[in-house]
Amino acid sequence: MSEQTSPDGRYVAAWMIRNCGATTSYVNHVNLRLASSPFHSDFFNGTISDGEVLTLAKYTSRVHYCWIGARRFNIEFPDSDPGLKNLSSWREVEITYGNACP
């Protein structure tokens, strides 16, 4: 859906929507990666799980995120979805959740 590079150009954040099949709903996820390497999907199921820091159980069009400095990343999403995966850090990046994005 969208990508943002960290202020120092070292990391890239991406918001993606995954279709898990005809009998399941779409899933939102946010992944981080080094800017110098692309995302790699899993060989068996095509999922990009490397660097996955947030996974939401329900589809939403209201995922917002922003870099707050070179090593701090903030994600905003609806309170009604607690998320299946919410990491607080990835490599050297601190991840926060809330209304910190402009």
C-alpha atoms as a PDB file:
ATOM      1  CA  MET A   1       0.000   0.000   0.000  1.00  0.00           C
ATOM      2  CA  SER A   2       2.747   2.462   0.946  1.00  0.00           C
ATOM      3  CA  GLU A   3       6.372   2.783   2.051  1.00  0.00           C
ATOM      4  CA  GLN A   4       8.348   5.326   4.083  1.00  0.00           C
ATOM      5  CA  THR A   5      12.113   5.588   4.449  1.00  0.00           C
ATOM      6  CA  SER A   6      13.602   6.540   7.829  1.00  0.00           C
ATOM      7  CA  PRO A   7      15.131  10.041   8.094  1.00  0.00           C
ATOM      8  CA  ASP A   8      18.669   8.621   7.958  1.00  0.00           C
ATOM      9  CA  GLY A   9      17.825   6.456   4.929  1.00  0.00           C
ATOM     10  CA  ARG A  10      18.791   3.219   6.692  1.00  0.00           C
ATOM     11  CA  TYR A  11      15.344   1.579   7.049  1.00  0.00           C
ATOM     12  CA  VAL A  12      12.133   1.281   5.056  1.00  0.00           C
ATOM     13  CA  ALA A  13       8.683   0.714   6.539  1.00  0.00           C
ATOM     14  CA  ALA A  14       5.909  -0.746   4.416  1.00  0.00           C
ATOM     15  CA  TRP A  15       2.193  -1.200   5.004  1.00  0.00           C
ATOM     16  CA  MET A  16       0.860  -4.214   3.130  1.00  0.00           C
ATOM     17  CA  ILE A  17      -2.478  -5.961   2.796  1.00  0.00           C
ATOM     18  CA  ARG A  18      -2.422  -9.721   2.417  1.00  0.00           C
ATOM     19  CA  ASN A  19      -5.176 -11.872   0.943  1.00  0.00           C
ATOM     20  CA  CYS A  20      -5.064 -15.178   2.804  1.00  0.00           C
ATOM     21  CA  GLY A  21      -7.537 -17.005   0.570  1.00  0.00           C
ATOM     22  CA  ALA A  22     -11.176 -17.119  -0.440  1.00  0.00           C
ATOM     23  CA  THR A  23     -12.475 -18.216   2.968  1.00  0.00           C
ATOM     24  CA  THR A  24     -10.520 -15.725   5.109  1.00  0.00           C
ATOM     25  CA  SER A  25     -10.458 -11.951   5.363  1.00  0.00           C
ATOM     26  CA  TYR A  26      -7.686  -9.628   4.288  1.00  0.00           C
ATOM     27  CA  VAL A  27      -4.917  -8.953   6.831  1.00  0.00           C
ATOM     28  CA  ASN A  28      -2.997  -5.694   7.307  1.00  0.00           C
ATOM     29  CA  HIS A  29       0.639  -5.835   8.264  1.00  0.00           C
ATOM     30  CA  VAL A  30       3.525  -3.420   8.663  1.00  0.00           C
ATOM     31  CA  ASN A  31       7.054  -4.608   7.947  1.00  0.00           C
ATOM     32  CA  LEU A  32      10.456  -3.009   8.393  1.00  0.00           C
ATOM     33  CA  ARG A  33      13.558  -3.753   6.338  1.00  0.00           C
ATOM     34  CA  LEU A  34      17.014  -2.400   5.702  1.00  0.00           C
ATOM     35  CA  ALA A  35      16.911   0.060   2.803  1.00  0.00           C
ATOM     36  CA  SER A  36      19.759  -1.852   1.173  1.00  0.00           C
ATOM     37  CA  SER A  37      17.790  -5.113   0.826  1.00  0.00           C
ATOM     38  CA  PRO A  38      14.336  -5.854  -0.610  1.00  0.00           C
ATOM     39  CA  PHE A  39      11.589  -7.790   1.110  1.00  0.00           C
ATOM     40  CA  HIS A  40      11.698 -11.531   0.508  1.00  0.00           C
ATOM     41  CA  SER A  41       8.566 -13.646   0.503  1.00  0.00           C
ATOM     42  CA  ASP A  42       8.414 -17.097   2.022  1.00  0.00           C
ATOM     43  CA  PHE A  43       9.064 -19.750  -0.615  1.00  0.00           C
ATOM     44  CA  PHE A  44       6.127 -21.958   0.357  1.00  0.00           C
ATOM     45  CA  ASN A  45       3.279 -19.489   0.901  1.00  0.00           C
ATOM     46  CA  GLY A  46       4.419 -16.165  -0.568  1.00  0.00           C
ATOM     47  CA  THR A  47       4.053 -14.328   2.769  1.00  0.00           C
ATOM     48  CA  ILE A  48       6.523 -11.593   3.630  1.00  0.00           C
ATOM     49  CA  SER A  49       7.146 -12.302   7.297  1.00  0.00           C
ATOM     50  CA  ASP A  50      10.691 -10.965   7.542  1.00  0.00           C
ATOM     51  CA  GLY A  51      10.573  -7.711   9.504  1.00  0.00           C
ATOM     52  CA  GLU A  52       6.854  -8.017  10.251  1.00  0.00           C
ATOM     53  CA  VAL A  53       6.233  -5.822  13.315  1.00  0.00           C
ATOM     54  CA  LEU A  54       2.435  -5.440  13.249  1.00  0.00           C
ATOM     55  CA  THR A  55      -0.281  -7.790  12.024  1.00  0.00           C
ATOM     56  CA  LEU A  56      -3.952  -6.861  12.285  1.00  0.00           C
ATOM     57  CA  ALA A  57      -6.655  -9.525  12.236  1.00  0.00           C
ATOM     58  CA  LYS A  58      -9.152  -7.290  10.457  1.00  0.00           C
ATOM     59  CA  TYR A  59      -8.815  -5.324   7.245  1.00  0.00           C
ATOM     60  CA  THR A  60      -8.747  -1.588   7.804  1.00  0.00           C
ATOM     61  CA  SER A  61      -7.914   1.365   5.631  1.00  0.00           C
ATOM     62  CA  ARG A  62      -6.845   3.353   8.675  1.00  0.00           C
ATOM     63  CA  VAL A  63      -3.256   2.275   9.304  1.00  0.00           C
ATOM     64  CA  HIS A  64      -0.983   5.300   9.603  1.00  0.00           C
ATOM     65  CA  TYR A  65       2.696   5.294  10.449  1.00  0.00           C
ATOM     66  CA  CYS A  66       5.607   7.678  10.605  1.00  0.00           C
ATOM     67  CA  TRP A  67       9.253   7.881  11.551  1.00  0.00           C
ATOM     68  CA  ILE A  68       9.971   9.985  14.623  1.00  0.00           C
ATOM     69  CA  GLY A  69      13.697  10.326  14.190  1.00  0.00           C
ATOM     70  CA  ALA A  70      16.041   7.762  12.672  1.00  0.00           C
ATOM     71  CA  ARG A  71      15.430   4.968  15.191  1.00  0.00           C
ATOM     72  CA  ARG A  72      11.868   5.515  16.409  1.00  0.00           C
ATOM     73  CA  PHE A  73       8.834   4.413  14.434  1.00  0.00           C
ATOM     74  CA  ASN A  74       5.168   5.012  15.335  1.00  0.00           C
ATOM     75  CA  ILE A  75       2.101   3.113  14.109  1.00  0.00           C
ATOM     76  CA  GLU A  76      -1.548   4.157  14.481  1.00  0.00           C
ATOM     77  CA  PHE A  77      -4.471   1.795  13.872  1.00  0.00           C
ATOM     78  CA  PRO A  78      -8.076   1.451  15.104  1.00  0.00           C
ATOM     79  CA  ASP A  79      -8.418   0.553  18.786  1.00  0.00           C
ATOM     80  CA  SER A  80     -11.000  -2.075  17.922  1.00  0.00           C
ATOM     81  CA  ASP A  81      -8.312  -4.408  16.567  1.00  0.00           C
ATOM     82  CA  PRO A  82      -5.822  -5.518  19.223  1.00  0.00           C
ATOM     83  CA  GLY A  83      -3.525  -6.975  16.584  1.00  0.00           C
ATOM     84  CA  LEU A  84      -2.130 -10.448  16.226  1.00  0.00           C
ATOM     85  CA  LYS A  85       1.442  -9.225  16.449  1.00  0.00           C
ATOM     86  CA  ASN A  86       2.652  -5.944  17.994  1.00  0.00           C
ATOM     87  CA  LEU A  87       6.414  -5.759  18.401  1.00  0.00           C
ATOM     88  CA  SER A  88       8.001  -3.033  20.534  1.00  0.00           C
ATOM     89  CA  SER A  89      11.321  -3.119  18.679  1.00  0.00           C
ATOM     90  CA  TRP A  90      13.010  -4.416  15.555  1.00  0.00           C
ATOM     91  CA  ARG A  91      16.790  -4.395  15.292  1.00  0.00           C
ATOM     92  CA  GLU A  92      17.755  -0.892  16.504  1.00  0.00           C
ATOM     93  CA  VAL A  93      14.300   0.618  15.900  1.00  0.00           C
ATOM     94  CA  GLU A  94      11.959   1.368  18.810  1.00  0.00           C
ATOM     95  CA  ILE A  95       8.296   0.909  17.827  1.00  0.00           C
ATOM     96  CA  THR A  96       5.536   2.870  19.527  1.00  0.00           C
ATOM     97  CA  TYR A  97       1.783   2.791  19.030  1.00  0.00           C
ATOM     98  CA  GLY A  98      -0.502   5.802  19.339  1.00  0.00           C
ATOM     99  CA  ASN A  99      -1.333   9.189  17.890  1.00  0.00           C
ATOM    100  CA  ALA A 100       2.168  10.562  17.357  1.00  0.00           C
ATOM    101  CA  CYS A 101       2.007  10.974  13.567  1.00  0.00           C
ATOM    102  CA  PRO A 102       1.158  14.348  12.054  1.00  0.00           C
END
